[in-house]
Amino acid sequence: MISYKNEEKPVFSLDTLTNSENNSISDDIDADVLQNHQEFSLGNIVYVSLKESTTSEQSARMTAMDSASKNASEIIEKLTLIFNRTHQAVITKELIEIISSAAAL
């Protein structure tokens, strides 16, 4: 069974990064570098989300195909059994007709 879990990914604006109290390194970093880092982080979050979505879709397709294959196998087994029974009934009927004809002579 496949389960899905939604996650919130934090996306920080440039102002949040520059004004953060926990980020004392940002004081020494050029604004362009910080802007590039923020854009890269956002792009990375989007890329990972798309990859996870594609992986999830592929997993769902594989599960569906596995289920379809199992169902097809069951149907083939049932039809083979019906065919064999019908074939055997025809053979038995022909044998009975042959034996009846021979007994009548």
PDB file of N, CA and C in Angstrom:
ATOM      1  N   MET A   1       0.844  -1.175   0.000  1.00  0.00           N
ATOM      2  CA  MET A   1       0.000   0.000   0.000  1.00  0.00           C
ATOM      3  C   MET A   1       0.890   1.238   0.000  1.00  0.00           C
ATOM      4  N   ILE A   2       0.516   2.193  -0.764  1.00  0.00           N
ATOM      5  CA  ILE A   2       1.278   3.435  -0.856  1.00  0.00           C
ATOM      6  C   ILE A   2       0.608   4.481   0.011  1.00  0.00           C
ATOM      7  N   SER A   3       1.416   5.191   0.768  1.00  0.00           N
ATOM      8  CA  SER A   3       0.869   6.282   1.577  1.00  0.00           C
ATOM      9  C   SER A   3       1.603   7.573   1.216  1.00  0.00           C
ATOM     10  N   TYR A   4       0.910   8.646   1.367  1.00  0.00           N
ATOM     11  CA  TYR A   4       1.459   9.951   1.034  1.00  0.00           C
ATOM     12  C   TYR A   4       1.500  10.809   2.286  1.00  0.00           C
ATOM     13  N   LYS A   5       2.593  11.522   2.440  1.00  0.00           N
ATOM     14  CA  LYS A   5       2.731  12.401   3.587  1.00  0.00           C
ATOM     15  C   LYS A   5       3.102  13.791   3.067  1.00  0.00           C
ATOM     16  N   ASN A   6       2.275  14.755   3.366  1.00  0.00           N
ATOM     17  CA  ASN A   6       2.552  16.132   2.951  1.00  0.00           C
ATOM     18  C   ASN A   6       3.522  16.767   3.931  1.00  0.00           C
ATOM     19  N   GLU A   7       4.462  17.486   3.388  1.00  0.00           N
ATOM     20  CA  GLU A   7       5.429  18.198   4.216  1.00  0.00           C
ATOM     21  C   GLU A   7       5.462  19.660   3.795  1.00  0.00           C
ATOM     22  N   GLU A   8       5.620  20.505   4.773  1.00  0.00           N
ATOM     23  CA  GLU A   8       5.825  21.921   4.476  1.00  0.00           C
ATOM     24  C   GLU A   8       7.322  22.182   4.451  1.00  0.00           C
ATOM     25  N   LYS A   9       7.778  22.782   3.388  1.00  0.00           N
ATOM     26  CA  LYS A   9       9.188  23.138   3.260  1.00  0.00           C
ATOM     27  C   LYS A   9       9.326  24.634   3.508  1.00  0.00           C
ATOM     28  N   PRO A  10      10.205  25.022   4.406  1.00  0.00           N
ATOM     29  CA  PRO A  10      10.359  26.458   4.675  1.00  0.00           C
ATOM     30  C   PRO A  10      11.064  27.168   3.514  1.00  0.00           C
ATOM     31  N   VAL A  11      10.507  28.273   3.102  1.00  0.00           N
ATOM     32  CA  VAL A  11      11.108  29.113   2.066  1.00  0.00           C
ATOM     33  C   VAL A  11      11.274  30.494   2.676  1.00  0.00           C
ATOM     34  N   PHE A  12      12.519  30.903   2.790  1.00  0.00           N
ATOM     35  CA  PHE A  12      12.814  32.174   3.450  1.00  0.00           C
ATOM     36  C   PHE A  12      13.074  33.259   2.414  1.00  0.00           C
ATOM     37  N   SER A  13      12.524  34.427   2.676  1.00  0.00           N
ATOM     38  CA  SER A  13      12.761  35.560   1.784  1.00  0.00           C
ATOM     39  C   SER A  13      14.152  36.124   2.055  1.00  0.00           C
ATOM     40  N   LEU A  14      14.594  36.983   1.168  1.00  0.00           N
ATOM     41  CA  LEU A  14      15.913  37.598   1.322  1.00  0.00           C
ATOM     42  C   LEU A  14      15.957  38.457   2.581  1.00  0.00           C
ATOM     43  N   ASP A  15      14.871  39.154   2.882  1.00  0.00           N
ATOM     44  CA  ASP A  15      14.819  39.973   4.098  1.00  0.00           C
ATOM     45  C   ASP A  15      14.919  39.105   5.348  1.00  0.00           C
ATOM     46  N   THR A  16      14.253  37.974   5.338  1.00  0.00           N
ATOM     47  CA  THR A  16      14.305  37.073   6.491  1.00  0.00           C
ATOM     48  C   THR A  16      15.721  36.560   6.698  1.00  0.00           C
ATOM     49  N   LEU A  17      16.405  36.235   5.610  1.00  0.00           N
ATOM     50  CA  LEU A  17      17.778  35.735   5.728  1.00  0.00           C
ATOM     51  C   LEU A  17      18.726  36.813   6.249  1.00  0.00           C
ATOM     52  N   THR A  18      18.575  38.023   5.774  1.00  0.00           N
ATOM     53  CA  THR A  18      19.496  39.086   6.198  1.00  0.00           C
ATOM     54  C   THR A  18      19.214  39.559   7.615  1.00  0.00           C
ATOM     55  N   ASN A  19      17.962  39.500   8.059  1.00  0.00           N
ATOM     56  CA  ASN A  19      17.604  40.011   9.382  1.00  0.00           C
ATOM     57  C   ASN A  19      17.532  38.930  10.456  1.00  0.00           C
ATOM     58  N   SER A  20      17.890  37.712  10.124  1.00  0.00           N
ATOM     59  CA  SER A  20      17.803  36.620  11.086  1.00  0.00           C
ATOM     60  C   SER A  20      18.847  36.790  12.188  1.00  0.00           C
ATOM     61  N   GLU A  21      18.418  36.581  13.435  1.00  0.00           N
ATOM     62  CA  GLU A  21      19.339  36.698  14.571  1.00  0.00           C
ATOM     63  C   GLU A  21      20.286  35.509  14.636  1.00  0.00           C
ATOM     64  N   ASN A  22      19.839  34.346  14.170  1.00  0.00           N
ATOM     65  CA  ASN A  22      20.655  33.135  14.237  1.00  0.00           C
ATOM     66  C   ASN A  22      21.674  33.052  13.110  1.00  0.00           C
ATOM     67  N   ASN A  23      21.615  33.948  12.160  1.00  0.00           N
ATOM     68  CA  ASN A  23      22.474  33.891  10.989  1.00  0.00           C
ATOM     69  C   ASN A  23      23.470  35.045  11.019  1.00  0.00           C
ATOM     70  N   SER A  24      24.438  34.976  11.905  1.00  0.00           N
ATOM     71  CA  SER A  24      25.427  36.053  12.026  1.00  0.00           C
ATOM     72  C   SER A  24      26.398  36.060  10.855  1.00  0.00           C
ATOM     73  N   ILE A  25      26.498  34.957  10.132  1.00  0.00           N
ATOM     74  CA  ILE A  25      27.394  34.891   8.981  1.00  0.00           C
ATOM     75  C   ILE A  25      26.901  35.792   7.858  1.00  0.00           C
ATOM     76  N   SER A  26      25.582  35.988   7.773  1.00  0.00           N
ATOM     77  CA  SER A  26      25.035  36.777   6.667  1.00  0.00           C
ATOM     78  C   SER A  26      25.500  38.228   6.701  1.00  0.00           C
ATOM     79  N   ASP A  27      26.010  38.693   7.838  1.00  0.00           N
ATOM     80  CA  ASP A  27      26.536  40.060   7.898  1.00  0.00           C
ATOM     81  C   ASP A  27      27.782  40.201   7.032  1.00  0.00           C
ATOM     82  N   ASP A  28      28.564  39.122   6.942  1.00  0.00           N
ATOM     83  CA  ASP A  28      29.812  39.164   6.183  1.00  0.00           C
ATOM     84  C   ASP A  28      29.627  38.793   4.712  1.00  0.00           C
ATOM     85  N   ILE A  29      28.443  38.341   4.340  1.00  0.00           N
ATOM     86  CA  ILE A  29      28.199  37.867   2.979  1.00  0.00           C
ATOM     87  C   ILE A  29      27.607  38.998   2.140  1.00  0.00           C
ATOM     88  N   ASP A  30      28.081  39.068   0.916  1.00  0.00           N
ATOM     89  CA  ASP A  30      27.579  40.055  -0.031  1.00  0.00           C
ATOM     90  C   ASP A  30      26.097  39.785  -0.325  1.00  0.00           C
ATOM     91  N   ALA A  31      25.337  40.835  -0.589  1.00  0.00           N
ATOM     92  CA  ALA A  31      23.897  40.708  -0.834  1.00  0.00           C
ATOM     93  C   ALA A  31      23.613  39.863  -2.077  1.00  0.00           C
ATOM     94  N   ASP A  32      24.470  39.967  -3.101  1.00  0.00           N
ATOM     95  CA  ASP A  32      24.273  39.161  -4.313  1.00  0.00           C
ATOM     96  C   ASP A  32      24.448  37.673  -4.027  1.00  0.00           C
ATOM     97  N   VAL A  33      25.432  37.347  -3.202  1.00  0.00           N
ATOM     98  CA  VAL A  33      25.664  35.943  -2.845  1.00  0.00           C
ATOM     99  C   VAL A  33      24.477  35.408  -2.057  1.00  0.00           C
ATOM    100  N   LEU A  34      23.979  36.210  -1.142  1.00  0.00           N
ATOM    101  CA  LEU A  34      22.820  35.799  -0.351  1.00  0.00           C
ATOM    102  C   LEU A  34      21.584  35.638  -1.242  1.00  0.00           C
ATOM    103  N   GLN A  35      21.422  36.544  -2.204  1.00  0.00           N
ATOM    104  CA  GLN A  35      20.312  36.441  -3.162  1.00  0.00           C
ATOM    105  C   GLN A  35      20.440  35.161  -3.983  1.00  0.00           C
ATOM    106  N   ASN A  36      21.649  34.868  -4.459  1.00  0.00           N
ATOM    107  CA  ASN A  36      21.875  33.643  -5.229  1.00  0.00           C
ATOM    108  C   ASN A  36      21.589  32.396  -4.393  1.00  0.00           C
ATOM    109  N   HIS A  37      22.001  32.444  -3.134  1.00  0.00           N
ATOM    110  CA  HIS A  37      21.745  31.310  -2.237  1.00  0.00           C
ATOM    111  C   HIS A  37      20.242  31.110  -2.033  1.00  0.00           C
ATOM    112  N   GLN A  38      19.533  32.192  -1.859  1.00  0.00           N
ATOM    113  CA  GLN A  38      18.082  32.105  -1.654  1.00  0.00           C
ATOM    114  C   GLN A  38      17.408  31.540  -2.900  1.00  0.00           C
ATOM    115  N   GLU A  39      17.809  31.994  -4.082  1.00  0.00           N
ATOM    116  CA  GLU A  39      17.236  31.486  -5.330  1.00  0.00           C
ATOM    117  C   GLU A  39      17.582  30.014  -5.534  1.00  0.00           C
ATOM    118  N   PHE A  40      18.829  29.655  -5.216  1.00  0.00           N
ATOM    119  CA  PHE A  40      19.242  28.258  -5.345  1.00  0.00           C
ATOM    120  C   PHE A  40      18.443  27.362  -4.399  1.00  0.00           C
ATOM    121  N   SER A  41      18.247  27.818  -3.173  1.00  0.00           N
ATOM    122  CA  SER A  41      17.483  27.035  -2.197  1.00  0.00           C
ATOM    123  C   SER A  41      16.049  26.826  -2.670  1.00  0.00           C
ATOM    124  N   LEU A  42      15.429  27.878  -3.189  1.00  0.00           N
ATOM    125  CA  LEU A  42      14.067  27.762  -3.702  1.00  0.00           C
ATOM    126  C   LEU A  42      14.018  26.800  -4.890  1.00  0.00           C
ATOM    127  N   GLY A  43      14.962  26.944  -5.804  1.00  0.00           N
ATOM    128  CA  GLY A  43      15.026  26.037  -6.956  1.00  0.00           C
ATOM    129  C   GLY A  43      15.233  24.595  -6.529  1.00  0.00           C
ATOM    130  N   ASN A  44      16.070  24.403  -5.518  1.00  0.00           N
ATOM    131  CA  ASN A  44      16.335  23.067  -5.003  1.00  0.00           C
ATOM    132  C   ASN A  44      15.074  22.454  -4.391  1.00  0.00           C
ATOM    133  N   ILE A  45      14.327  23.237  -3.640  1.00  0.00           N
ATOM    134  CA  ILE A  45      13.088  22.748  -3.026  1.00  0.00           C
ATOM    135  C   ILE A  45      12.085  22.345  -4.111  1.00  0.00           C
ATOM    136  N   VAL A  46      11.958  23.169  -5.147  1.00  0.00           N
ATOM    137  CA  VAL A  46      11.034  22.855  -6.242  1.00  0.00           C
ATOM    138  C   VAL A  46      11.491  21.592  -6.974  1.00  0.00           C
ATOM    139  N   TYR A  47      12.797  21.480  -7.238  1.00  0.00           N
ATOM    140  CA  TYR A  47      13.336  20.316  -7.946  1.00  0.00           C
ATOM    141  C   TYR A  47      13.094  19.029  -7.162  1.00  0.00           C
ATOM    142  N   VAL A  48      13.386  19.046  -5.872  1.00  0.00           N
ATOM    143  CA  VAL A  48      13.182  17.857  -5.036  1.00  0.00           C
ATOM    144  C   VAL A  48      11.700  17.493  -4.984  1.00  0.00           C
ATOM    145  N   SER A  49      10.843  18.493  -4.899  1.00  0.00           N
ATOM    146  CA  SER A  49       9.398  18.228  -4.875  1.00  0.00           C
ATOM    147  C   SER A  49       8.943  17.574  -6.175  1.00  0.00           C
ATOM    148  N   LEU A  50       9.446  18.055  -7.304  1.00  0.00           N
ATOM    149  CA  LEU A  50       9.086  17.459  -8.591  1.00  0.00           C
ATOM    150  C   LEU A  50       9.606  16.030  -8.709  1.00  0.00           C
ATOM    151  N   LYS A  51      10.818  15.787  -8.229  1.00  0.00           N
ATOM    152  CA  LYS A  51      11.378  14.437  -8.262  1.00  0.00           C
ATOM    153  C   LYS A  51      10.565  13.489  -7.394  1.00  0.00           C
ATOM    154  N   GLU A  52      10.175  13.944  -6.207  1.00  0.00           N
ATOM    155  CA  GLU A  52       9.359  13.109  -5.325  1.00  0.00           C
ATOM    156  C   GLU A  52       8.006  12.823  -5.963  1.00  0.00           C
ATOM    157  N   SER A  53       7.439  13.806  -6.640  1.00  0.00           N
ATOM    158  CA  SER A  53       6.157  13.621  -7.322  1.00  0.00           C
ATOM    159  C   SER A  53       6.286  12.588  -8.434  1.00  0.00           C
ATOM    160  N   THR A  54       7.343  12.670  -9.213  1.00  0.00           N
ATOM    161  CA  THR A  54       7.571  11.719 -10.296  1.00  0.00           C
ATOM    162  C   THR A  54       7.781  10.313  -9.745  1.00  0.00           C
ATOM    163  N   THR A  55       8.540  10.213  -8.664  1.00  0.00           N
ATOM    164  CA  THR A  55       8.773   8.913  -8.035  1.00  0.00           C
ATOM    165  C   THR A  55       7.472   8.323  -7.516  1.00  0.00           C
ATOM    166  N   SER A  56       6.659   9.148  -6.911  1.00  0.00           N
ATOM    167  CA  SER A  56       5.367   8.696  -6.395  1.00  0.00           C
ATOM    168  C   SER A  56       4.467   8.215  -7.529  1.00  0.00           C
ATOM    169  N   GLU A  57       4.447   8.952  -8.630  1.00  0.00           N
ATOM    170  CA  GLU A  57       3.632   8.561  -9.779  1.00  0.00           C
ATOM    171  C   GLU A  57       4.105   7.226 -10.343  1.00  0.00           C
ATOM    172  N   GLN A  58       5.416   7.058 -10.463  1.00  0.00           N
ATOM    173  CA  GLN A  58       5.969   5.813 -10.993  1.00  0.00           C
ATOM    174  C   GLN A  58       5.635   4.640 -10.078  1.00  0.00           C
ATOM    175  N   SER A  59       5.707   4.870  -8.786  1.00  0.00           N
ATOM    176  CA  SER A  59       5.369   3.824  -7.820  1.00  0.00           C
ATOM    177  C   SER A  59       3.903   3.424  -7.938  1.00  0.00           C
ATOM    178  N   ALA A  60       3.026   4.400  -8.095  1.00  0.00           N
ATOM    179  CA  ALA A  60       1.599   4.109  -8.251  1.00  0.00           C
ATOM    180  C   ALA A  60       1.342   3.337  -9.545  1.00  0.00           C
ATOM    181  N   ARG A  61       2.041   3.698 -10.612  1.00  0.00           N
ATOM    182  CA  ARG A  61       1.882   2.983 -11.882  1.00  0.00           C
ATOM    183  C   ARG A  61       2.353   1.533 -11.756  1.00  0.00           C
ATOM    184  N   MET A  62       3.479   1.337 -11.074  1.00  0.00           N
ATOM    185  CA  MET A  62       3.997  -0.016 -10.894  1.00  0.00           C
ATOM    186  C   MET A  62       3.026  -0.869 -10.082  1.00  0.00           C
ATOM    187  N   THR A  63       2.451  -0.300  -9.043  1.00  0.00           N
ATOM    188  CA  THR A  63       1.485  -1.023  -8.223  1.00  0.00           C
ATOM    189  C   THR A  63       0.249  -1.383  -9.039  1.00  0.00           C
ATOM    190  N   ALA A  64      -0.226  -0.446  -9.845  1.00  0.00           N
ATOM    191  CA  ALA A  64      -1.400  -0.704 -10.684  1.00  0.00           C
ATOM    192  C   ALA A  64      -1.109  -1.794 -11.714  1.00  0.00           C
ATOM    193  N   MET A  65       0.063  -1.748 -12.331  1.00  0.00           N
ATOM    194  CA  MET A  65       0.419  -2.764 -13.321  1.00  0.00           C
ATOM    195  C   MET A  65       0.574  -4.135 -12.677  1.00  0.00           C
ATOM    196  N   ASP A  66       1.126  -4.189 -11.482  1.00  0.00           N
ATOM    197  CA  ASP A  66       1.264  -5.460 -10.770  1.00  0.00           C
ATOM    198  C   ASP A  66      -0.108  -6.050 -10.476  1.00  0.00           C
ATOM    199  N   SER A  67      -1.013  -5.214 -10.026  1.00  0.00           N
ATOM    200  CA  SER A  67      -2.378  -5.663  -9.746  1.00  0.00           C
ATOM    201  C   SER A  67      -3.067  -6.139 -11.025  1.00  0.00           C
ATOM    202  N   ALA A  68      -2.889  -5.414 -12.112  1.00  0.00           N
ATOM    203  CA  ALA A  68      -3.496  -5.805 -13.389  1.00  0.00           C
ATOM    204  C   ALA A  68      -2.920  -7.130 -13.882  1.00  0.00           C
ATOM    205  N   SER A  69      -1.624  -7.324 -13.703  1.00  0.00           N
ATOM    206  CA  SER A  69      -0.997  -8.581 -14.121  1.00  0.00           C
ATOM    207  C   SER A  69      -1.535  -9.761 -13.321  1.00  0.00           C
ATOM    208  N   LYS A  70      -1.695  -9.574 -12.017  1.00  0.00           N
ATOM    209  CA  LYS A  70      -2.242 -10.645 -11.181  1.00  0.00           C
ATOM    210  C   LYS A  70      -3.673 -10.967 -11.590  1.00  0.00           C
ATOM    211  N   ASN A  71      -4.481  -9.940 -11.834  1.00  0.00           N
ATOM    212  CA  ASN A  71      -5.866 -10.156 -12.261  1.00  0.00           C
ATOM    213  C   ASN A  71      -5.920 -10.872 -13.610  1.00  0.00           C
ATOM    214  N   ALA A  72      -5.046 -10.487 -14.532  1.00  0.00           N
ATOM    215  CA  ALA A  72      -5.014 -11.132 -15.847  1.00  0.00           C
ATOM    216  C   ALA A  72      -4.623 -12.601 -15.712  1.00  0.00           C
ATOM    217  N   SER A  73      -3.676 -12.896 -14.839  1.00  0.00           N
ATOM    218  CA  SER A  73      -3.271 -14.288 -14.620  1.00  0.00           C
ATOM    219  C   SER A  73      -4.428 -15.118 -14.086  1.00  0.00           C
ATOM    220  N   GLU A  74      -5.183 -14.553 -13.154  1.00  0.00           N
ATOM    221  CA  GLU A  74      -6.337 -15.272 -12.606  1.00  0.00           C
ATOM    222  C   GLU A  74      -7.387 -15.526 -13.684  1.00  0.00           C
ATOM    223  N   ILE A  75      -7.646 -14.538 -14.531  1.00  0.00           N
ATOM    224  CA  ILE A  75      -8.630 -14.695 -15.604  1.00  0.00           C
ATOM    225  C   ILE A  75      -8.161 -15.755 -16.597  1.00  0.00           C
ATOM    226  N   ILE A  76      -6.877 -15.753 -16.932  1.00  0.00           N
ATOM    227  CA  ILE A  76      -6.336 -16.752 -17.863  1.00  0.00           C
ATOM    228  C   ILE A  76      -6.487 -18.154 -17.283  1.00  0.00           C
ATOM    229  N   GLU A  77      -6.205 -18.311 -15.995  1.00  0.00           N
ATOM    230  CA  GLU A  77      -6.358 -19.622 -15.357  1.00  0.00           C
ATOM    231  C   GLU A  77      -7.812 -20.090 -15.409  1.00  0.00           C
ATOM    232  N   LYS A  78      -8.752 -19.195 -15.122  1.00  0.00           N
ATOM    233  CA  LYS A  78     -10.178 -19.560 -15.161  1.00  0.00           C
ATOM    234  C   LYS A  78     -10.610 -19.935 -16.574  1.00  0.00           C
ATOM    235  N   LEU A  79     -10.192 -19.151 -17.567  1.00  0.00           N
ATOM    236  CA  LEU A  79     -10.568 -19.446 -18.951  1.00  0.00           C
ATOM    237  C   LEU A  79      -9.935 -20.746 -19.438  1.00  0.00           C
ATOM    238  N   THR A  80      -8.711 -21.022 -19.030  1.00  0.00           N
ATOM    239  CA  THR A  80      -8.061 -22.279 -19.393  1.00  0.00           C
ATOM    240  C   THR A  80      -8.823 -23.459 -18.817  1.00  0.00           C
ATOM    241  N   LEU A  81      -9.251 -23.345 -17.581  1.00  0.00           N
ATOM    242  CA  LEU A  81     -10.030 -24.403 -16.944  1.00  0.00           C
ATOM    243  C   LEU A  81     -11.356 -24.621 -17.676  1.00  0.00           C
ATOM    244  N   ILE A  82     -12.045 -23.541 -18.016  1.00  0.00           N
ATOM    245  CA  ILE A  82     -13.311 -23.652 -18.757  1.00  0.00           C
ATOM    246  C   ILE A  82     -13.077 -24.293 -20.124  1.00  0.00           C
ATOM    247  N   PHE A  83     -12.015 -23.866 -20.820  1.00  0.00           N
ATOM    248  CA  PHE A  83     -11.700 -24.442 -22.129  1.00  0.00           C
ATOM    249  C   PHE A  83     -11.421 -25.933 -22.013  1.00  0.00           C
ATOM    250  N   ASN A  84     -10.610 -26.322 -21.029  1.00  0.00           N
ATOM    251  CA  ASN A  84     -10.274 -27.738 -20.862  1.00  0.00           C
ATOM    252  C   ASN A  84     -11.510 -28.574 -20.536  1.00  0.00           C
ATOM    253  N   ARG A  85     -12.391 -28.063 -19.692  1.00  0.00           N
ATOM    254  CA  ARG A  85     -13.622 -28.791 -19.358  1.00  0.00           C
ATOM    255  C   ARG A  85     -14.511 -28.952 -20.593  1.00  0.00           C
ATOM    256  N   THR A  86     -14.652 -27.873 -21.362  1.00  0.00           N
ATOM    257  CA  THR A  86     -15.474 -27.931 -22.575  1.00  0.00           C
ATOM    258  C   THR A  86     -14.878 -28.905 -23.582  1.00  0.00           C
ATOM    259  N   HIS A  87     -13.576 -28.848 -23.760  1.00  0.00           N
ATOM    260  CA  HIS A  87     -12.883 -29.741 -24.687  1.00  0.00           C
ATOM    261  C   HIS A  87     -13.078 -31.198 -24.262  1.00  0.00           C
ATOM    262  N   GLN A  88     -12.935 -31.452 -22.978  1.00  0.00           N
ATOM    263  CA  GLN A  88     -13.121 -32.809 -22.465  1.00  0.00           C
ATOM    264  C   GLN A  88     -14.565 -33.275 -22.657  1.00  0.00           C
ATOM    265  N   ALA A  89     -15.524 -32.384 -22.474  1.00  0.00           N
ATOM    266  CA  ALA A  89     -16.931 -32.743 -22.674  1.00  0.00           C
ATOM    267  C   ALA A  89     -17.202 -33.102 -24.133  1.00  0.00           C
ATOM    268  N   VAL A  90     -16.619 -32.368 -25.067  1.00  0.00           N
ATOM    269  CA  VAL A  90     -16.791 -32.658 -26.496  1.00  0.00           C
ATOM    270  C   VAL A  90     -16.190 -34.021 -26.830  1.00  0.00           C
ATOM    271  N   ILE A  91     -14.997 -34.277 -26.313  1.00  0.00           N
ATOM    272  CA  ILE A  91     -14.350 -35.573 -26.560  1.00  0.00           C
ATOM    273  C   ILE A  91     -15.194 -36.711 -25.995  1.00  0.00           C
ATOM    274  N   THR A  92     -15.690 -36.536 -24.787  1.00  0.00           N
ATOM    275  CA  THR A  92     -16.524 -37.564 -24.159  1.00  0.00           C
ATOM    276  C   THR A  92     -17.790 -37.802 -24.972  1.00  0.00           C
ATOM    277  N   LYS A  93     -18.418 -36.744 -25.444  1.00  0.00           N
ATOM    278  CA  LYS A  93     -19.636 -36.868 -26.256  1.00  0.00           C
ATOM    279  C   LYS A  93     -19.352 -37.635 -27.542  1.00  0.00           C
ATOM    280  N   GLU A  94     -18.239 -37.328 -28.217  1.00  0.00           N
ATOM    281  CA  GLU A  94     -17.886 -38.021 -29.454  1.00  0.00           C
ATOM    282  C   GLU A  94     -17.601 -39.498 -29.197  1.00  0.00           C
ATOM    283  N   LEU A  95     -16.925 -39.786 -28.081  1.00  0.00           N
ATOM    284  CA  LEU A  95     -16.662 -41.186 -27.745  1.00  0.00           C
ATOM    285  C   LEU A  95     -17.959 -41.943 -27.486  1.00  0.00           C
ATOM    286  N   ILE A  96     -18.882 -41.299 -26.791  1.00  0.00           N
ATOM    287  CA  ILE A  96     -20.180 -41.935 -26.519  1.00  0.00           C
ATOM    288  C   ILE A  96     -20.910 -42.208 -27.831  1.00  0.00           C
ATOM    289  N   GLU A  97     -20.867 -41.256 -28.774  1.00  0.00           N
ATOM    290  CA  GLU A  97     -21.520 -41.443 -30.072  1.00  0.00           C
ATOM    291  C   GLU A  97     -20.874 -42.589 -30.853  1.00  0.00           C
ATOM    292  N   ILE A  98     -19.547 -42.672 -30.812  1.00  0.00           N
ATOM    293  CA  ILE A  98     -18.842 -43.741 -31.526  1.00  0.00           C
ATOM    294  C   ILE A  98     -19.190 -45.097 -30.918  1.00  0.00           C
ATOM    295  N   ILE A  99     -19.177 -45.168 -29.597  1.00  0.00           N
ATOM    296  CA  ILE A  99     -19.488 -46.433 -28.917  1.00  0.00           C
ATOM    297  C   ILE A  99     -20.940 -46.826 -29.168  1.00  0.00           C
ATOM    298  N   SER A 100     -21.846 -45.863 -29.147  1.00  0.00           N
ATOM    299  CA  SER A 100     -23.266 -46.145 -29.404  1.00  0.00           C
ATOM    300  C   SER A 100     -23.468 -46.647 -30.830  1.00  0.00           C
ATOM    301  N   SER A 101     -22.773 -46.060 -31.789  1.00  0.00           N
ATOM    302  CA  SER A 101     -22.886 -46.480 -33.187  1.00  0.00           C
ATOM    303  C   SER A 101     -22.343 -47.891 -33.369  1.00  0.00           C
ATOM    304  N   ALA A 102     -21.233 -48.171 -32.712  1.00  0.00           N
ATOM    305  CA  ALA A 102     -20.634 -49.507 -32.824  1.00  0.00           C
ATOM    306  C   ALA A 102     -21.531 -50.553 -32.177  1.00  0.00           C
ATOM    307  N   ALA A 103     -22.177 -50.196 -31.076  1.00  0.00           N
ATOM    308  CA  ALA A 103     -23.060 -51.147 -30.388  1.00  0.00           C
ATOM    309  C   ALA A 103     -24.320 -51.404 -31.201  1.00  0.00           C
ATOM    310  N   ALA A 104     -24.763 -50.417 -31.975  1.00  0.00           N
ATOM    311  CA  ALA A 104     -25.975 -50.565 -32.777  1.00  0.00           C
ATOM    312  C   ALA A 104     -25.743 -51.505 -33.951  1.00  0.00           C
ATOM    313  N   LEU A 105     -24.522 -51.617 -34.419  1.00  0.00           N
ATOM    314  CA  LEU A 105     -24.221 -52.498 -35.552  1.00  0.00           C
ATOM    315  C   LEU A 105     -24.173 -53.890 -35.032  1.00  0.00           C
TER     316      LEU A 105
END
